C-alpha atoms as a PDB file:
ATOM      1  CA  UNK A   1      -3.718  -6.775  15.893  1.00  0.00           C
ATOM      2  CA  UNK A   2      -3.702  -3.774  13.521  1.00  0.00           C
ATOM      3  CA  UNK A   3      -0.459  -2.234  12.377  1.00  0.00           C
ATOM      4  CA  UNK A   4       0.424   1.078  10.761  1.00  0.00           C
ATOM      5  CA  UNK A   5       2.139  -0.608   7.837  1.00  0.00           C
ATOM      6  CA  UNK A   6       1.006  -3.142   5.266  1.00  0.00           C
ATOM      7  CA  UNK A   7       3.010  -6.098   3.934  1.00  0.00           C
ATOM      8  CA  UNK A   8       5.021  -3.781   1.674  1.00  0.00           C
ATOM      9  CA  UNK A   9       6.041  -1.381   4.485  1.00  0.00           C
ATOM     10  CA  UNK A  10       3.721   1.381   3.243  1.00  0.00           C
ATOM     11  CA  UNK A  11       1.899   3.622   5.724  1.00  0.00           C
ATOM     12  CA  UNK A  12      -1.871   3.073   5.957  1.00  0.00           C
ATOM     13  CA  UNK A  13      -4.144   6.098   5.765  1.00  0.00           C
ATOM     14  CA  UNK A  14      -7.719   6.105   7.004  1.00  0.00           C
ATOM     15  CA  UNK A  15     -10.055   7.683   4.450  1.00  0.00           C
ATOM     16  CA  UNK A  16     -12.901   9.552   6.186  1.00  0.00           C
ATOM     17  CA  UNK A  17     -14.617  10.798   3.047  1.00  0.00           C
ATOM     18  CA  UNK A  18     -14.160  11.427  -0.638  1.00  0.00           C
ATOM     19  CA  UNK A  19     -15.865  13.880  -2.989  1.00  0.00           C
ATOM     20  CA  UNK A  20     -15.845  13.519  -6.762  1.00  0.00           C
ATOM     21  CA  UNK A  21     -14.810  16.755  -8.495  1.00  0.00           C
ATOM     22  CA  UNK A  22     -14.686  15.659 -12.147  1.00  0.00           C
ATOM     23  CA  UNK A  23     -15.005  12.388 -14.034  1.00  0.00           C
ATOM     24  CA  UNK A  24     -14.172  12.058 -17.727  1.00  0.00           C
ATOM     25  CA  UNK A  25     -13.057   9.226 -20.004  1.00  0.00           C
ATOM     26  CA  UNK A  26      -9.414  10.007 -19.253  1.00  0.00           C
ATOM     27  CA  UNK A  27      -9.426  11.448 -15.735  1.00  0.00           C
ATOM     28  CA  UNK A  28     -11.200  10.972 -12.425  1.00  0.00           C
ATOM     29  CA  UNK A  29     -10.480  13.771  -9.947  1.00  0.00           C
ATOM     30  CA  UNK A  30     -11.603  13.642  -6.324  1.00  0.00           C
ATOM     31  CA  UNK A  31     -10.827  15.231  -2.962  1.00  0.00           C
ATOM     32  CA  UNK A  32     -10.314  12.900   0.000  1.00  0.00           C
ATOM     33  CA  UNK A  33     -10.232  13.598   3.733  1.00  0.00           C
ATOM     34  CA  UNK A  34      -7.594  11.285   5.224  1.00  0.00           C
ATOM     35  CA  UNK A  35      -5.991  10.583   8.600  1.00  0.00           C
ATOM     36  CA  UNK A  36      -2.410   9.376   9.017  1.00  0.00           C
ATOM     37  CA  UNK A  37      -1.542   6.785  11.690  1.00  0.00           C
ATOM     38  CA  UNK A  38      -0.200   9.582  13.928  1.00  0.00           C
ATOM     39  CA  UNK A  39      -3.650  11.258  13.962  1.00  0.00           C
ATOM     40  CA  UNK A  40      -2.929  14.114  11.525  1.00  0.00           C
ATOM     41  CA  UNK A  41      -5.957  14.804   9.283  1.00  0.00           C
ATOM     42  CA  UNK A  42      -5.682  16.341   5.835  1.00  0.00           C
ATOM     43  CA  UNK A  43      -7.653  16.876   2.627  1.00  0.00           C
ATOM     44  CA  UNK A  44      -5.913  16.298  -0.675  1.00  0.00           C
ATOM     45  CA  UNK A  45      -6.591  15.928  -4.401  1.00  0.00           C
END
């Protein structure tokens, strides 16, 4: 049975896609499309 929380009590997000914006020796920047357990979808950096 799946739950909305892992063993540490943190909320699980479903990642629907991720796009790499920049990748250097010191920084990797990407934009991800995610869905929270309550069904809310968002894109964030």
